[in-house]
Amino acid sequence: ARFTVTPASVTNLTIGATVSGATPILADLVA
């Protein structure tokens, strides 16, 4: 994935994704 952030002065972020939906297909993305 390619991410953009505002303000541009941010130097790092912890990013992941969590489960949603009754019958999800893929897995969580590790933070």
ModelCIF file with pLDDT and N, C-alpha, C, O atoms, coordinates in Angstrom:
data_MODEL
#
_entry.id   MODEL 
#
_entity.id                         1 
_entity.type                       polymer 
_entity.pdbx_number_of_molecules   1 
#
_entity_poly.entity_id                      1 
_entity_poly.type                           'polypeptide(L)' 
_entity_poly.nstd_linkage                   no 
_entity_poly.nstd_monomer                   no 
_entity_poly.pdbx_seq_one_letter_code       ARFTVTPASVTNLTIGATVSGATPILADLVA 
_entity_poly.pdbx_seq_one_letter_code_can   ARFTVTPASVTNLTIGATVSGATPILADLVA 
_entity_poly.pdbx_strand_id                 A 
#
loop_
_entity_poly_seq.entity_id 
_entity_poly_seq.num 
_entity_poly_seq.mon_id 
_entity_poly_seq.hetero 
1 1  ALA n 
1 2  ARG n 
1 3  PHE n 
1 4  THR n 
1 5  VAL n 
1 6  THR n 
1 7  PRO n 
1 8  ALA n 
1 9  SER n 
1 10 VAL n 
1 11 THR n 
1 12 ASN n 
1 13 LEU n 
1 14 THR n 
1 15 ILE n 
1 16 GLY n 
1 17 ALA n 
1 18 THR n 
1 19 VAL n 
1 20 SER n 
1 21 GLY n 
1 22 ALA n 
1 23 THR n 
1 24 PRO n 
1 25 ILE n 
1 26 LEU n 
1 27 ALA n 
1 28 ASP n 
1 29 LEU n 
1 30 VAL n 
1 31 ALA n 
#
_struct_asym.id          A 
_struct_asym.entity_id   1 
#
loop_
_ma_qa_metric.id 
_ma_qa_metric.mode 
_ma_qa_metric.name 
_ma_qa_metric.software_group_id 
_ma_qa_metric.type 
1 global pLDDT . pLDDT 
2 local  pLDDT . pLDDT 
#
_ma_qa_metric_global.metric_id      1 
_ma_qa_metric_global.metric_value   76.94 
_ma_qa_metric_global.model_id       1 
_ma_qa_metric_global.ordinal_id     1 
#
loop_
_ma_qa_metric_local.label_asym_id 
_ma_qa_metric_local.label_comp_id 
_ma_qa_metric_local.label_seq_id 
_ma_qa_metric_local.metric_id 
_ma_qa_metric_local.metric_value 
_ma_qa_metric_local.model_id 
_ma_qa_metric_local.ordinal_id 
A ALA 1  2 83.00 1 1  
A ARG 2  2 84.00 1 2  
A PHE 3  2 89.00 1 3  
A THR 4  2 88.00 1 4  
A VAL 5  2 90.00 1 5  
A THR 6  2 88.00 1 6  
A PRO 7  2 90.00 1 7  
A ALA 8  2 86.00 1 8  
A SER 9  2 90.00 1 9  
A VAL 10 2 88.00 1 10 
A THR 11 2 90.00 1 11 
A ASN 12 2 89.00 1 12 
A LEU 13 2 86.00 1 13 
A THR 14 2 88.00 1 14 
A ILE 15 2 85.00 1 15 
A GLY 16 2 80.00 1 16 
A ALA 17 2 77.00 1 17 
A THR 18 2 73.00 1 18 
A VAL 19 2 63.00 1 19 
A SER 20 2 63.00 1 20 
A GLY 21 2 57.00 1 21 
A ALA 22 2 54.00 1 22 
A THR 23 2 56.00 1 23 
A PRO 24 2 56.00 1 24 
A ILE 25 2 55.00 1 25 
A LEU 26 2 60.00 1 26 
A ALA 27 2 66.00 1 27 
A ASP 28 2 74.00 1 28 
A LEU 29 2 74.00 1 29 
A VAL 30 2 79.00 1 30 
A ALA 31 2 84.00 1 31 
#
loop_
_atom_site.group_PDB 
_atom_site.id 
_atom_site.type_symbol 
_atom_site.label_atom_id 
_atom_site.label_alt_id 
_atom_site.label_comp_id 
_atom_site.label_asym_id 
_atom_site.label_entity_id 
_atom_site.label_seq_id 
_atom_site.pdbx_PDB_ins_code 
_atom_site.Cartn_x 
_atom_site.Cartn_y 
_atom_site.Cartn_z 
_atom_site.occupancy 
_atom_site.B_iso_or_equiv 
_atom_site.pdbx_formal_charge 
_atom_site.auth_seq_id 
_atom_site.auth_comp_id 
_atom_site.auth_asym_id 
_atom_site.auth_atom_id 
_atom_site.pdbx_PDB_model_num 
ATOM 1   N N  . ALA A 1 1  ? 0.839   -1.196  0.000  1.00 83.00 ? 1  ALA A N  1 
ATOM 2   C CA . ALA A 1 1  ? 0.000   0.000   0.000  1.00 83.00 ? 1  ALA A CA 1 
ATOM 3   C C  . ALA A 1 1  ? 0.879   1.252   0.000  1.00 83.00 ? 1  ALA A C  1 
ATOM 4   O O  . ALA A 1 1  ? 1.992   1.262   0.525  1.00 83.00 ? 1  ALA A O  1 
ATOM 5   N N  . ARG A 1 2  ? 0.342   2.288   -0.600 1.00 84.00 ? 2  ARG A N  1 
ATOM 6   C CA . ARG A 1 2  ? 1.019   3.584   -0.615 1.00 84.00 ? 2  ARG A CA 1 
ATOM 7   C C  . ARG A 1 2  ? 0.135   4.565   0.158  1.00 84.00 ? 2  ARG A C  1 
ATOM 8   O O  . ARG A 1 2  ? -1.057  4.695   -0.124 1.00 84.00 ? 2  ARG A O  1 
ATOM 9   N N  . PHE A 1 3  ? 0.729   5.247   1.127  1.00 89.00 ? 3  PHE A N  1 
ATOM 10  C CA . PHE A 1 3  ? -0.037  6.142   1.988  1.00 89.00 ? 3  PHE A CA 1 
ATOM 11  C C  . PHE A 1 3  ? 0.448   7.583   1.829  1.00 89.00 ? 3  PHE A C  1 
ATOM 12  O O  . PHE A 1 3  ? 1.627   7.842   1.587  1.00 89.00 ? 3  PHE A O  1 
ATOM 13  N N  . THR A 1 4  ? -0.484  8.495   1.970  1.00 88.00 ? 4  THR A N  1 
ATOM 14  C CA . THR A 1 4  ? -0.134  9.915   2.068  1.00 88.00 ? 4  THR A CA 1 
ATOM 15  C C  . THR A 1 4  ? -0.689  10.447  3.383  1.00 88.00 ? 4  THR A C  1 
ATOM 16  O O  . THR A 1 4  ? -1.683  9.939   3.904  1.00 88.00 ? 4  THR A O  1 
ATOM 17  N N  . VAL A 1 5  ? -0.035  11.475  3.912  1.00 90.00 ? 5  VAL A N  1 
ATOM 18  C CA . VAL A 1 5  ? -0.419  11.989  5.216  1.00 90.00 ? 5  VAL A CA 1 
ATOM 19  C C  . VAL A 1 5  ? -0.345  13.516  5.213  1.00 90.00 ? 5  VAL A C  1 
ATOM 20  O O  . VAL A 1 5  ? 0.500   14.124  4.556  1.00 90.00 ? 5  VAL A O  1 
ATOM 21  N N  . THR A 1 6  ? -1.252  14.098  5.966  1.00 88.00 ? 6  THR A N  1 
ATOM 22  C CA . THR A 1 6  ? -1.257  15.545  6.182  1.00 88.00 ? 6  THR A CA 1 
ATOM 23  C C  . THR A 1 6  ? -1.239  15.804  7.686  1.00 88.00 ? 6  THR A C  1 
ATOM 24  O O  . THR A 1 6  ? -2.040  15.202  8.400  1.00 88.00 ? 6  THR A O  1 
ATOM 25  N N  . PRO A 1 7  ? -0.382  16.650  8.191  1.00 90.00 ? 7  PRO A N  1 
ATOM 26  C CA . PRO A 1 7  ? 0.579   17.481  7.466  1.00 90.00 ? 7  PRO A CA 1 
ATOM 27  C C  . PRO A 1 7  ? 1.802   16.666  7.014  1.00 90.00 ? 7  PRO A C  1 
ATOM 28  O O  . PRO A 1 7  ? 2.068   15.587  7.543  1.00 90.00 ? 7  PRO A O  1 
ATOM 29  N N  . ALA A 1 8  ? 2.525   17.190  6.046  1.00 86.00 ? 8  ALA A N  1 
ATOM 30  C CA . ALA A 1 8  ? 3.680   16.493  5.486  1.00 86.00 ? 8  ALA A CA 1 
ATOM 31  C C  . ALA A 1 8  ? 4.829   16.378  6.474  1.00 86.00 ? 8  ALA A C  1 
ATOM 32  O O  . ALA A 1 8  ? 5.812   15.687  6.206  1.00 86.00 ? 8  ALA A O  1 
ATOM 33  N N  . SER A 1 9  ? 4.715   17.043  7.601  1.00 90.00 ? 9  SER A N  1 
ATOM 34  C CA . SER A 1 9  ? 5.780   16.985  8.612  1.00 90.00 ? 9  SER A CA 1 
ATOM 35  C C  . SER A 1 9  ? 5.745   15.684  9.417  1.00 90.00 ? 9  SER A C  1 
ATOM 36  O O  . SER A 1 9  ? 6.695   15.377  10.136 1.00 90.00 ? 9  SER A O  1 
ATOM 37  N N  . VAL A 1 10 ? 4.645   14.912  9.300  1.00 88.00 ? 10 VAL A N  1 
ATOM 38  C CA . VAL A 1 10 ? 4.558   13.634  10.010 1.00 88.00 ? 10 VAL A CA 1 
ATOM 39  C C  . VAL A 1 10 ? 5.632   12.695  9.470  1.00 88.00 ? 10 VAL A C  1 
ATOM 40  O O  . VAL A 1 10 ? 5.776   12.542  8.257  1.00 88.00 ? 10 VAL A O  1 
ATOM 41  N N  . THR A 1 11 ? 6.389   12.062  10.377 1.00 90.00 ? 11 THR A N  1 
ATOM 42  C CA . THR A 1 11 ? 7.500   11.197  9.959  1.00 90.00 ? 11 THR A CA 1 
ATOM 43  C C  . THR A 1 11 ? 7.212   9.715   10.113 1.00 90.00 ? 11 THR A C  1 
ATOM 44  O O  . THR A 1 11 ? 7.885   8.898   9.485  1.00 90.00 ? 11 THR A O  1 
ATOM 45  N N  . ASN A 1 12 ? 6.233   9.341   10.928 1.00 89.00 ? 12 ASN A N  1 
ATOM 46  C CA . ASN A 1 12 ? 5.903   7.919   11.042 1.00 89.00 ? 12 ASN A CA 1 
ATOM 47  C C  . ASN A 1 12 ? 4.516   7.744   11.645 1.00 89.00 ? 12 ASN A C  1 
ATOM 48  O O  . ASN A 1 12 ? 4.050   8.571   12.429 1.00 89.00 ? 12 ASN A O  1 
ATOM 49  N N  . LEU A 1 13 ? 3.869   6.653   11.263 1.00 86.00 ? 13 LEU A N  1 
ATOM 50  C CA . LEU A 1 13 ? 2.558   6.279   11.786 1.00 86.00 ? 13 LEU A CA 1 
ATOM 51  C C  . LEU A 1 13 ? 2.491   4.769   11.895 1.00 86.00 ? 13 LEU A C  1 
ATOM 52  O O  . LEU A 1 13 ? 3.116   4.056   11.110 1.00 86.00 ? 13 LEU A O  1 
ATOM 53  N N  . THR A 1 14 ? 1.735   4.283   12.866 1.00 88.00 ? 14 THR A N  1 
ATOM 54  C CA . THR A 1 14 ? 1.462   2.846   12.948 1.00 88.00 ? 14 THR A CA 1 
ATOM 55  C C  . THR A 1 14 ? 0.125   2.580   12.267 1.00 88.00 ? 14 THR A C  1 
ATOM 56  O O  . THR A 1 14 ? -0.905  3.125   12.663 1.00 88.00 ? 14 THR A O  1 
ATOM 57  N N  . ILE A 1 15 ? 0.153   1.732   11.233 1.00 85.00 ? 15 ILE A N  1 
ATOM 58  C CA . ILE A 1 15 ? -1.020  1.502   10.396 1.00 85.00 ? 15 ILE A CA 1 
ATOM 59  C C  . ILE A 1 15 ? -1.328  0.005   10.331 1.00 85.00 ? 15 ILE A C  1 
ATOM 60  O O  . ILE A 1 15 ? -0.433  -0.818  10.145 1.00 85.00 ? 15 ILE A O  1 
ATOM 61  N N  . GLY A 1 16 ? -2.589  -0.325  10.486 1.00 80.00 ? 16 GLY A N  1 
ATOM 62  C CA . GLY A 1 16 ? -3.056  -1.699  10.330 1.00 80.00 ? 16 GLY A CA 1 
ATOM 63  C C  . GLY A 1 16 ? -4.501  -1.679  9.885  1.00 80.00 ? 16 GLY A C  1 
ATOM 64  O O  . GLY A 1 16 ? -5.023  -0.623  9.526  1.00 80.00 ? 16 GLY A O  1 
ATOM 65  N N  . ALA A 1 17 ? -5.156  -2.825  9.903  1.00 77.00 ? 17 ALA A N  1 
ATOM 66  C CA . ALA A 1 17 ? -6.579  -2.894  9.560  1.00 77.00 ? 17 ALA A CA 1 
ATOM 67  C C  . ALA A 1 17 ? -7.199  -4.025  10.365 1.00 77.00 ? 17 ALA A C  1 
ATOM 68  O O  . ALA A 1 17 ? -6.566  -5.051  10.611 1.00 77.00 ? 17 ALA A O  1 
ATOM 69  N N  . THR A 1 18 ? -8.444  -3.823  10.769 1.00 73.00 ? 18 THR A N  1 
ATOM 70  C CA . THR A 1 18 ? -9.090  -4.788  11.648 1.00 73.00 ? 18 THR A CA 1 
ATOM 71  C C  . THR A 1 18 ? -10.342 -5.374  11.012 1.00 73.00 ? 18 THR A C  1 
ATOM 72  O O  . THR A 1 18 ? -10.904 -4.810  10.074 1.00 73.00 ? 18 THR A O  1 
ATOM 73  N N  . VAL A 1 19 ? -10.759 -6.498  11.533 1.00 63.00 ? 19 VAL A N  1 
ATOM 74  C CA . VAL A 1 19 ? -11.886 -7.237  10.994 1.00 63.00 ? 19 VAL A CA 1 
ATOM 75  C C  . VAL A 1 19 ? -13.181 -6.443  11.065 1.00 63.00 ? 19 VAL A C  1 
ATOM 76  O O  . VAL A 1 19 ? -13.408 -5.692  12.013 1.00 63.00 ? 19 VAL A O  1 
ATOM 77  N N  . SER A 1 20 ? -14.027 -6.613  10.055 1.00 63.00 ? 20 SER A N  1 
ATOM 78  C CA . SER A 1 20 ? -15.369 -6.052  10.101 1.00 63.00 ? 20 SER A CA 1 
ATOM 79  C C  . SER A 1 20 ? -16.273 -6.907  9.226  1.00 63.00 ? 20 SER A C  1 
ATOM 80  O O  . SER A 1 20 ? -15.802 -7.628  8.345  1.00 63.00 ? 20 SER A O  1 
ATOM 81  N N  . GLY A 1 21 ? -17.565 -6.822  9.474  1.00 57.00 ? 21 GLY A N  1 
ATOM 82  C CA . GLY A 1 21 ? -18.526 -7.579  8.681  1.00 57.00 ? 21 GLY A CA 1 
ATOM 83  C C  . GLY A 1 21 ? -18.820 -8.933  9.292  1.00 57.00 ? 21 GLY A C  1 
ATOM 84  O O  . GLY A 1 21 ? -17.998 -9.492  10.018 1.00 57.00 ? 21 GLY A O  1 
ATOM 85  N N  . ALA A 1 22 ? -20.006 -9.459  8.991  1.00 54.00 ? 22 ALA A N  1 
ATOM 86  C CA . ALA A 1 22 ? -20.439 -10.735 9.572  1.00 54.00 ? 22 ALA A CA 1 
ATOM 87  C C  . ALA A 1 22 ? -19.690 -11.915 8.992  1.00 54.00 ? 22 ALA A C  1 
ATOM 88  O O  . ALA A 1 22 ? -19.404 -12.882 9.699  1.00 54.00 ? 22 ALA A O  1 
ATOM 89  N N  . THR A 1 23 ? -19.362 -11.842 7.676  1.00 56.00 ? 23 THR A N  1 
ATOM 90  C CA . THR A 1 23 ? -18.661 -12.950 7.025  1.00 56.00 ? 23 THR A CA 1 
ATOM 91  C C  . THR A 1 23 ? -17.468 -12.409 6.253  1.00 56.00 ? 23 THR A C  1 
ATOM 92  O O  . THR A 1 23 ? -17.455 -12.454 5.023  1.00 56.00 ? 23 THR A O  1 
ATOM 93  N N  . PRO A 1 24 ? -16.455 -11.894 6.968  1.00 56.00 ? 24 PRO A N  1 
ATOM 94  C CA . PRO A 1 24 ? -15.292 -11.310 6.306  1.00 56.00 ? 24 PRO A CA 1 
ATOM 95  C C  . PRO A 1 24 ? -14.486 -12.364 5.565  1.00 56.00 ? 24 PRO A C  1 
ATOM 96  O O  . PRO A 1 24 ? -14.571 -13.555 5.865  1.00 56.00 ? 24 PRO A O  1 
ATOM 97  N N  . ILE A 1 25 ? -13.700 -11.907 4.590  1.00 55.00 ? 25 ILE A N  1 
ATOM 98  C CA . ILE A 1 25 ? -12.984 -12.820 3.710  1.00 55.00 ? 25 ILE A CA 1 
ATOM 99  C C  . ILE A 1 25 ? -11.497 -12.856 4.012  1.00 55.00 ? 25 ILE A C  1 
ATOM 100 O O  . ILE A 1 25 ? -10.920 -13.934 4.161  1.00 55.00 ? 25 ILE A O  1 
ATOM 101 N N  . LEU A 1 26 ? -10.867 -11.686 4.105  1.00 60.00 ? 26 LEU A N  1 
ATOM 102 C CA . LEU A 1 26 ? -9.436  -11.633 4.328  1.00 60.00 ? 26 LEU A CA 1 
ATOM 103 C C  . LEU A 1 26 ? -9.123  -11.570 5.818  1.00 60.00 ? 26 LEU A C  1 
ATOM 104 O O  . LEU A 1 26 ? -10.008 -11.753 6.654  1.00 60.00 ? 26 LEU A O  1 
ATOM 105 N N  . ALA A 1 27 ? -7.865  -11.312 6.144  1.00 66.00 ? 27 ALA A N  1 
ATOM 106 C CA . ALA A 1 27 ? -7.414  -11.270 7.522  1.00 66.00 ? 27 ALA A CA 1 
ATOM 107 C C  . ALA A 1 27 ? -7.079  -9.846  7.932  1.00 66.00 ? 27 ALA A C  1 
ATOM 108 O O  . ALA A 1 27 ? -6.908  -8.962  7.092  1.00 66.00 ? 27 ALA A O  1 
ATOM 109 N N  . ASP A 1 28 ? -6.988  -9.638  9.260  1.00 74.00 ? 28 ASP A N  1 
ATOM 110 C CA . ASP A 1 28 ? -6.479  -8.364  9.749  1.00 74.00 ? 28 ASP A CA 1 
ATOM 111 C C  . ASP A 1 28 ? -5.097  -8.105  9.166  1.00 74.00 ? 28 ASP A C  1 
ATOM 112 O O  . ASP A 1 28 ? -4.339  -9.040  8.907  1.00 74.00 ? 28 ASP A O  1 
ATOM 113 N N  . LEU A 1 29 ? -4.772  -6.829  8.961  1.00 74.00 ? 29 LEU A N  1 
ATOM 114 C CA . LEU A 1 29 ? -3.406  -6.460  8.612  1.00 74.00 ? 29 LEU A CA 1 
ATOM 115 C C  . LEU A 1 29 ? -2.660  -6.124  9.903  1.00 74.00 ? 29 LEU A C  1 
ATOM 116 O O  . LEU A 1 29 ? -3.139  -5.338  10.720 1.00 74.00 ? 29 LEU A O  1 
ATOM 117 N N  . VAL A 1 30 ? -1.479  -6.731  10.079 1.00 79.00 ? 30 VAL A N  1 
ATOM 118 C CA . VAL A 1 30 ? -0.675  -6.515  11.278 1.00 79.00 ? 30 VAL A CA 1 
ATOM 119 C C  . VAL A 1 30 ? -0.302  -5.039  11.371 1.00 79.00 ? 30 VAL A C  1 
ATOM 120 O O  . VAL A 1 30 ? 0.174   -4.457  10.396 1.00 79.00 ? 30 VAL A O  1 
ATOM 121 N N  . ALA A 1 31 ? -0.513  -4.439  12.522 1.00 84.00 ? 31 ALA A N  1 
ATOM 122 C CA . ALA A 1 31 ? -0.142  -3.039  12.738 1.00 84.00 ? 31 ALA A CA 1 
ATOM 123 C C  . ALA A 1 31 ? 1.357   -2.871  12.515 1.00 84.00 ? 31 ALA A C  1 
ATOM 124 O O  . ALA A 1 31 ? 1.880   -1.764  12.646 1.00 84.00 ? 31 ALA A O  1 
#
